[in-house]
């Protein structure tokens, strides 16, 4: 497999900063990937996402294969052209979304048969089909192996069986992907909260040889502290010269603590989902702009921010927009949250480069610890 150009520039403890080089540009790590579920980061132009500081977006295989259809995206020039995003794109395999279709899916060794949540039509997703959609149809810069997401809580035997299925599917994904000059494939470590299973999964995936390694199966109900514990005992078994990606995470405190344990990449729907519901993430913690206390608050969310949504609109105005049901409300707040998450990653990178990450970590934990179980 073609080597994935990943240069670590500075470390502080397990935390590290670096650069992932791709044919469509460099990705500064630690990196947070805004989620473009249906070919869009909800409520935002791609230019706003780029101006916020994002180097890479995440595309959703499951949703795009159902609508408008991955073959159609391919005929229209691929996902980058389709959504007007020239920078790198990572696509998930579709495994998580199919796993969430309780009662609408049937999993076998060959793959997953499922019914569309849109119109009930029947579909089949195998490791080979997932790679075809991601790499060939959508044109992803980074594709993910198809894995079996493990239920939580799970017994040891359930977790072991699920993890071993993901290993076999990882090998099939790797075989289907082959050798590609400008595209890359990541494996996914599973094993629930069991240390020996996580170790086994990581070691077997290393033998298959992927360009990068994701930690999957977390943020599914185990809680912040248990999640960090799993990351802590998984990370030592991952290659140090390859990027580590924590899937589907998370709150700002999750990002800070995961970076402290060696994670390089993240994705989560939280910035735009929070924005649609009136929640703004700030350096002092989250605030709800729908609350009555903001009715006459003429201050912006963050007057020091480079983001116009954060700097130029008052909390009173945002409160009014939400109360009036105006489209502009979630647009502005999603923009703010997306910019805030990118600012957080920039601040983390700068602190690691300066040898001051632990100081930043203590400061932010003091402000954000209360958000852990909320």
Protein backbone atom coordinates (compact mmCIF):
# COMPACT_ATOMS: atom_id res chain seq x y z
CA UNK A 1 0.00 0.00 0.00
CA UNK A 2 1.22 3.47 -0.86
CA UNK A 3 2.57 5.15 2.24
CA UNK A 4 0.41 7.83 3.82
CA UNK A 5 2.56 10.98 4.12
CA UNK A 6 2.15 11.92 7.77
CA UNK A 7 4.73 14.07 9.52
CA UNK A 8 4.63 14.60 13.27
CA UNK A 9 5.97 18.07 14.01
CA UNK A 10 5.85 18.25 17.82
CA UNK A 11 4.82 16.14 20.80
CA UNK A 12 3.95 16.87 24.41
CA UNK A 13 3.34 13.67 26.32
CA UNK A 14 1.05 11.64 24.10
CA UNK A 15 -0.37 14.75 22.45
CA UNK A 16 1.08 15.51 19.05
CA UNK A 17 0.69 17.90 16.17
CA UNK A 18 1.49 17.16 12.56
CA UNK A 19 0.52 17.31 8.90
CA UNK A 20 -1.25 14.76 6.70
CA UNK A 21 -0.43 15.47 3.08
CA UNK A 22 -2.92 14.60 0.35
CA UNK A 23 -3.21 15.40 -3.34
CA UNK A 24 -5.90 17.96 -2.46
CA UNK A 25 -3.97 19.71 0.29
CA UNK A 26 -2.48 19.35 3.74
CA UNK A 27 -4.48 18.46 6.83
CA UNK A 28 -3.18 20.03 10.02
CA UNK A 29 -3.52 17.74 13.03
CA UNK A 30 -5.13 17.49 15.47
CA UNK A 31 -8.00 18.07 13.04
CA UNK A 32 -11.76 18.28 13.46
CA UNK A 33 -13.78 17.28 10.40
CA UNK A 34 -17.18 18.96 9.98
CA UNK A 35 -19.78 16.40 8.90
CA UNK A 36 -21.31 16.80 5.45
CA UNK A 37 -24.00 14.15 5.71
CA UNK A 38 -25.87 14.68 2.45
CA UNK A 39 -23.17 16.55 0.55
CA UNK A 40 -23.44 19.64 2.75
CA UNK A 41 -22.44 20.77 6.21
CA UNK A 42 -25.93 21.68 7.37
CA UNK A 43 -26.86 25.37 7.07
CA UNK A 44 -23.42 26.41 5.77
CA UNK A 45 -21.76 27.22 2.46
CA UNK A 46 -18.54 25.29 1.88
CA UNK A 47 -16.77 28.66 1.68
CA UNK A 48 -17.85 29.38 5.27
CA UNK A 49 -16.54 26.00 6.40
CA UNK A 50 -13.21 26.67 4.69
CA UNK A 51 -12.97 30.19 6.12
CA UNK A 52 -13.64 28.75 9.58
CA UNK A 53 -10.39 26.81 9.23
CA UNK A 54 -11.41 23.29 8.22
CA UNK A 55 -8.88 21.38 6.12
CA UNK A 56 -11.09 18.32 5.53
CA UNK A 57 -14.77 17.33 5.55
CA UNK A 58 -16.51 14.03 6.22
CA UNK A 59 -18.96 12.60 3.67
CA UNK A 60 -21.64 10.04 4.47
CA UNK A 61 -21.65 6.89 2.36
CA UNK A 62 -25.03 5.57 3.52
CA UNK A 63 -26.98 8.75 2.83
CA UNK A 64 -25.30 9.52 -0.49
CA UNK A 65 -25.74 5.97 -1.81
CA UNK A 66 -29.48 6.27 -1.16
CA UNK A 67 -29.90 9.86 -2.32
CA UNK A 68 -28.98 11.05 -4.93
CA UNK A 69 -27.17 7.72 -5.54
CA UNK A 70 -23.42 7.25 -5.56
CA UNK A 71 -23.37 6.33 -9.26
CA UNK A 72 -25.12 9.60 -10.02
CA UNK A 73 -22.54 11.53 -7.99
CA UNK A 74 -19.84 9.75 -10.00
CA UNK A 75 -21.45 10.72 -13.31
CA UNK A 76 -21.57 14.33 -12.11
CA UNK A 77 -17.84 14.38 -11.42
CA UNK A 78 -17.50 13.02 -7.90
CA UNK A 79 -18.33 14.39 -4.47
CA UNK A 80 -15.75 17.20 -4.46
CA UNK A 81 -17.19 18.76 -7.62
CA UNK A 82 -20.78 17.96 -6.65
CA UNK A 83 -20.61 19.87 -3.35
CA UNK A 84 -17.98 22.44 -4.43
CA UNK A 85 -15.29 21.46 -1.94
CA UNK A 86 -11.76 21.28 -3.33
CA UNK A 87 -10.03 20.14 -0.14
CA UNK A 88 -9.77 16.56 1.17
CA UNK A 89 -12.83 14.47 2.01
CA UNK A 90 -12.98 11.43 4.28
CA UNK A 91 -15.99 9.17 3.86
CA UNK A 92 -17.37 6.83 6.48
CA UNK A 93 -18.13 3.29 5.34
CA UNK A 94 -21.88 3.37 5.99
CA UNK A 95 -21.53 0.75 8.71
CA UNK A 96 -22.67 2.96 11.59
CA UNK A 97 -25.80 4.19 9.84
CA UNK A 98 -26.78 0.65 8.81
CA UNK A 99 -26.12 -0.57 12.38
CA UNK A 100 -28.53 2.08 13.66
CA UNK A 101 -31.37 0.74 11.48
CA UNK A 102 -32.74 -1.54 14.19
CA UNK A 103 -35.29 -3.92 12.71
CA UNK A 104 -34.48 -2.87 9.13
CA UNK A 105 -31.19 -4.74 8.62
CA UNK A 106 -29.84 -8.29 8.48
CA UNK A 107 -26.13 -8.89 8.90
CA UNK A 108 -24.26 -11.93 7.55
CA UNK A 109 -20.65 -12.76 6.82
CA UNK A 110 -21.10 -11.42 3.29
CA UNK A 111 -22.39 -8.01 4.36
CA UNK A 112 -25.54 -6.18 5.45
CA UNK A 113 -28.96 -6.27 3.81
CA UNK A 114 -31.12 -3.33 4.81
CA UNK A 115 -34.15 -1.27 3.92
CA UNK A 116 -33.83 2.42 3.18
CA UNK A 117 -35.21 4.72 5.87
CA UNK A 118 -36.35 6.99 3.02
CA UNK A 119 -38.60 4.74 0.94
CA UNK A 120 -38.20 1.19 2.27
CA UNK A 121 -36.26 0.00 -0.80
CA UNK A 122 -33.87 -2.94 -0.32
CA UNK A 123 -30.09 -2.55 -0.46
CA UNK A 124 -26.96 -4.57 0.25
CA UNK A 125 -23.65 -3.24 1.56
CA UNK A 126 -20.54 -5.42 1.60
CA UNK A 127 -16.92 -4.42 2.26
CA UNK A 128 -16.29 -4.48 -1.48
CA UNK A 129 -19.39 -2.42 -2.31
CA UNK A 130 -18.53 0.13 0.39
CA UNK A 131 -15.06 0.64 -1.09
CA UNK A 132 -16.52 0.95 -4.59
CA UNK A 133 -18.91 3.67 -3.43
CA UNK A 134 -16.35 5.61 -1.38
CA UNK A 135 -13.24 5.43 -3.55
CA UNK A 136 -14.64 5.00 -7.07
CA UNK A 137 -18.00 6.78 -7.04
CA UNK A 138 -17.57 9.53 -4.44
CA UNK A 139 -13.82 9.91 -5.01
CA UNK A 140 -12.91 10.11 -1.32
CA UNK A 141 -9.34 11.02 -0.40
CA UNK A 142 -9.66 8.79 2.68
CA UNK A 143 -12.03 5.81 2.74
CA UNK A 144 -12.95 3.72 5.77
CA UNK A 145 -13.16 -0.06 5.91
CA UNK A 146 -16.64 -1.49 6.45
CA UNK A 147 -16.93 -2.64 10.06
CA UNK A 148 -19.59 -4.13 12.29
CA UNK A 149 -20.47 -1.60 14.95
CA UNK A 150 -20.70 -3.27 18.35
CA UNK A 151 -23.75 -2.76 20.55
CA UNK A 152 -23.27 -1.15 23.95
CA UNK A 153 -23.39 -2.62 26.45
CA UNK A 154 -22.10 -5.89 25.01
CA UNK A 155 -20.98 -9.12 26.61
CA UNK A 156 -17.39 -10.18 26.09
CA UNK A 157 -18.43 -12.84 23.58
CA UNK A 158 -20.63 -10.41 21.65
CA UNK A 159 -17.81 -7.88 21.50
CA UNK A 160 -15.27 -10.53 20.46
CA UNK A 161 -17.48 -11.89 17.68
CA UNK A 162 -18.22 -8.40 16.38
CA UNK A 163 -14.56 -7.40 16.49
CA UNK A 164 -13.48 -10.52 14.61
CA UNK A 165 -16.10 -9.84 11.92
CA UNK A 166 -14.68 -6.34 11.53
CA UNK A 167 -11.17 -7.79 11.12
CA UNK A 168 -12.36 -10.09 8.33
CA UNK A 169 -14.22 -7.22 6.69
CA UNK A 170 -11.11 -5.08 7.11
CA UNK A 171 -9.08 -7.58 5.09
CA UNK A 172 -11.76 -7.68 2.39
CA UNK A 173 -11.91 -3.87 2.32
CA UNK A 174 -8.13 -3.76 1.97
CA UNK A 175 -8.16 -6.30 -0.86
CA UNK A 176 -10.90 -4.39 -2.70
CA UNK A 177 -9.08 -1.09 -2.27
CA UNK A 178 -5.81 -2.38 -3.70
CA UNK A 179 -3.02 0.10 -4.44
CA UNK A 180 -4.00 3.69 -5.20
CA UNK A 181 -1.74 6.65 -5.89
CA UNK A 182 -3.76 9.47 -4.33
CA UNK A 183 -6.40 7.72 -2.20
CA UNK A 184 -6.05 6.16 1.21
CA UNK A 185 -7.79 3.59 3.40
CA UNK A 186 -8.18 3.52 7.19
CA UNK A 187 -8.89 0.46 9.33
CA UNK A 188 -11.22 0.59 12.34
CA UNK A 189 -10.34 -0.81 15.76
CA UNK A 190 -13.28 -2.42 17.59
CA UNK A 191 -13.62 -4.41 20.81
CA UNK A 192 -16.09 -2.44 22.93
CA UNK A 193 -14.61 -1.59 26.35
CA UNK A 194 -12.50 -4.75 26.66
CA UNK A 195 -8.75 -4.06 26.72
CA UNK A 196 -7.56 -7.40 25.34
CA UNK A 197 -10.03 -7.20 22.43
CA UNK A 198 -8.94 -3.69 21.54
CA UNK A 199 -5.32 -4.85 21.61
CA UNK A 200 -6.08 -7.85 19.40
CA UNK A 201 -8.04 -5.70 16.94
CA UNK A 202 -5.28 -3.09 16.67
CA UNK A 203 -2.54 -5.66 16.21
CA UNK A 204 -4.39 -7.59 13.51
CA UNK A 205 -5.25 -4.40 11.64
CA UNK A 206 -1.59 -3.42 11.74
CA UNK A 207 -0.76 -6.72 10.03
CA UNK A 208 -3.24 -5.94 7.24
CA UNK A 209 -1.55 -2.54 6.79
CA UNK A 210 -3.74 0.52 6.47
CA UNK A 211 -2.79 4.14 5.84
CA UNK A 212 -4.39 5.18 9.11
CA UNK A 213 -6.28 3.69 12.05
CA UNK A 214 -9.59 4.70 13.58
CA UNK A 215 -10.93 3.93 17.03
CA UNK A 216 -14.57 3.01 16.50
CA UNK A 217 -17.41 1.87 18.71
CA UNK A 218 -17.19 4.72 21.24
CA UNK A 219 -19.51 7.60 22.12
CA UNK A 220 -22.35 5.06 22.15
CA UNK A 221 -23.31 5.35 25.81
CA UNK A 222 -20.17 4.36 27.72
CA UNK A 223 -19.62 7.88 29.07
CA UNK A 224 -16.69 10.28 28.83
CA UNK A 225 -14.39 8.73 31.44
CA UNK A 226 -14.80 5.17 30.14
CA UNK A 227 -14.26 6.39 26.58
CA UNK A 228 -10.98 8.06 27.53
CA UNK A 229 -9.91 4.89 29.36
CA UNK A 230 -10.51 2.81 26.21
CA UNK A 231 -8.55 5.29 24.11
CA UNK A 232 -5.74 5.21 26.66
CA UNK A 233 -5.23 1.44 26.49
CA UNK A 234 -5.83 1.25 22.71
CA UNK A 235 -3.41 3.97 21.56
CA UNK A 236 -0.17 2.16 22.54
CA UNK A 237 -1.01 -0.60 20.04
CA UNK A 238 -1.47 1.76 17.09
CA UNK A 239 1.44 2.71 14.79
CA UNK A 240 3.06 5.96 15.83
CA UNK A 241 3.76 6.97 12.23
CA UNK A 242 0.11 6.78 11.11
CA UNK A 243 -2.83 9.07 11.93
CA UNK A 244 -5.29 8.01 14.65
CA UNK A 245 -8.93 8.92 14.16
CA UNK A 246 -11.58 8.85 16.92
CA UNK A 247 -14.90 8.39 15.16
CA UNK A 248 -18.02 10.39 16.02
CA UNK A 249 -16.55 12.46 18.87
CA UNK A 250 -17.52 14.84 20.29
CA UNK A 251 -17.86 17.59 22.89
CA UNK A 252 -14.97 20.03 23.28
CA UNK A 253 -13.78 18.35 26.49
CA UNK A 254 -13.78 14.98 24.67
CA UNK A 255 -11.52 16.43 21.98
CA UNK A 256 -9.05 17.91 24.47
CA UNK A 257 -8.78 14.70 26.48
CA UNK A 258 -8.51 12.48 23.40
CA UNK A 259 -5.69 14.66 22.04
CA UNK A 260 -3.96 14.20 25.40
CA UNK A 261 -4.10 10.45 24.72
CA UNK A 262 -2.65 10.61 21.20
CA UNK A 263 -5.63 11.10 18.86
CA UNK A 264 -5.11 13.11 15.66
CA UNK A 265 -8.51 13.33 13.96
CA UNK A 266 -12.15 13.78 14.95
CA UNK A 267 -15.61 14.20 13.45
CA UNK A 268 -18.99 14.95 14.97
CA UNK A 269 -22.35 16.45 14.02
CA UNK A 270 -22.41 18.41 17.29
CA UNK A 271 -21.47 21.90 15.98
CA UNK A 272 -24.36 22.12 13.51
CA UNK A 273 -26.80 20.02 15.55
CA UNK A 274 -26.26 22.31 18.54
CA UNK A 275 -26.59 25.30 16.24
CA UNK A 276 -30.01 24.17 15.06
CA UNK A 277 -31.22 23.92 18.65
CA UNK A 278 -29.92 27.23 20.00
CA UNK A 279 -26.78 25.99 21.76
CA UNK A 280 -23.54 27.91 21.29
CA UNK A 281 -20.21 26.44 22.37
CA UNK A 282 -17.88 28.99 23.99
CA UNK A 283 -14.58 29.08 25.86
CA UNK A 284 -16.61 29.25 29.10
CA UNK A 285 -18.87 26.35 28.17
CA UNK A 286 -22.15 26.00 26.24
CA UNK A 287 -24.93 28.57 26.40
CA UNK A 288 -28.52 28.35 25.16
CA UNK A 289 -29.41 31.42 23.12
CA UNK A 290 -33.13 30.64 23.49
CA UNK A 291 -32.98 31.48 27.21
CA UNK A 292 -34.82 34.60 28.38
CA UNK A 293 -31.67 36.04 29.95
CA UNK A 294 -30.41 36.90 26.47
CA UNK A 295 -33.48 38.90 25.34
CA UNK A 296 -31.70 42.23 25.86
CA UNK A 297 -28.07 41.08 25.84
CA UNK A 298 -26.41 43.31 23.27
CA UNK A 299 -23.04 41.52 23.43
CA UNK A 300 -21.87 39.09 20.73
CA UNK A 301 -21.02 35.46 21.49
CA UNK A 302 -17.29 36.22 21.09
CA UNK A 303 -16.13 39.71 20.16
CA UNK A 304 -12.54 38.45 19.65
CA UNK A 305 -13.49 35.84 17.04
CA UNK A 306 -12.65 36.10 13.35
CA UNK A 307 -16.03 34.56 12.54
CA UNK A 308 -18.70 37.17 11.67
CA UNK A 309 -21.45 35.05 13.24
CA UNK A 310 -19.58 35.01 16.53
CA UNK A 311 -18.45 38.64 16.46
CA UNK A 312 -21.03 40.77 14.66
CA UNK A 313 -24.44 39.64 15.92
CA UNK A 314 -25.76 40.18 19.43
CA UNK A 315 -27.10 37.44 21.66
CA UNK A 316 -30.35 39.42 21.79
CA UNK A 317 -30.66 39.26 18.01
CA UNK A 318 -29.95 35.53 17.94
CA UNK A 319 -32.50 35.01 20.73
CA UNK A 320 -35.06 36.93 18.66
CA UNK A 321 -34.32 34.88 15.51
CA UNK A 322 -34.88 31.60 17.34
CA UNK A 323 -38.07 32.88 18.98
CA UNK A 324 -39.33 34.05 15.58
CA UNK A 325 -38.45 30.76 13.90
CA UNK A 326 -36.21 32.45 11.33
CA UNK A 327 -33.92 30.33 9.13
CA UNK A 328 -31.06 32.70 9.85
CA UNK A 329 -30.91 31.57 13.49
CA UNK A 330 -29.53 28.04 12.91
CA UNK A 331 -27.42 29.34 10.03
CA UNK A 332 -25.59 31.86 12.20
CA UNK A 333 -25.23 29.58 15.20
CA UNK A 334 -24.02 26.63 13.12
CA UNK A 335 -21.47 28.97 11.57
CA UNK A 336 -20.33 30.12 15.01
CA UNK A 337 -20.05 26.58 16.38
CA UNK A 338 -18.16 25.33 13.33
CA UNK A 339 -15.70 28.21 13.68
CA UNK A 340 -15.39 27.60 17.43
CA UNK A 341 -14.47 23.93 16.98
CA UNK A 342 -11.85 24.91 14.40
CA UNK A 343 -10.51 27.60 16.74
CA UNK A 344 -10.24 25.00 19.48
CA UNK A 345 -8.18 22.71 17.27
CA UNK A 346 -5.95 25.62 16.24
CA UNK A 347 -5.41 26.57 19.88
CA UNK A 348 -4.58 22.95 20.71
CA UNK A 349 -2.07 22.74 17.86
CA UNK A 350 -0.39 25.99 18.89
CA UNK A 351 -0.22 24.91 22.54
CA UNK A 352 1.47 21.61 21.63
CA UNK A 353 3.98 23.44 19.42
CA UNK A 354 4.76 25.80 22.33
CA UNK A 355 4.94 23.00 24.93
CA UNK A 356 1.93 24.46 26.75
CA UNK A 357 -0.76 21.89 26.03
CA UNK A 358 -1.00 20.55 29.59
CA UNK A 359 -1.59 24.07 30.85
CA UNK A 360 -4.37 24.56 28.29
CA UNK A 361 -5.80 21.17 29.15
CA UNK A 362 -6.05 22.06 32.85
CA UNK A 363 -7.63 25.43 32.04
CA UNK A 364 -10.29 23.99 29.76
CA UNK A 365 -11.04 21.05 32.05
CA UNK A 366 -11.72 23.53 34.82
CA UNK A 367 -14.32 25.25 32.65
CA UNK A 368 -15.80 22.28 30.79
CA UNK A 369 -15.75 19.32 33.18
CA UNK A 370 -19.37 20.02 34.10
CA UNK A 371 -20.40 19.34 30.50
CA UNK A 372 -19.18 15.71 30.59
CA UNK A 373 -22.51 14.02 31.29
CA UNK A 374 -24.78 16.74 29.86
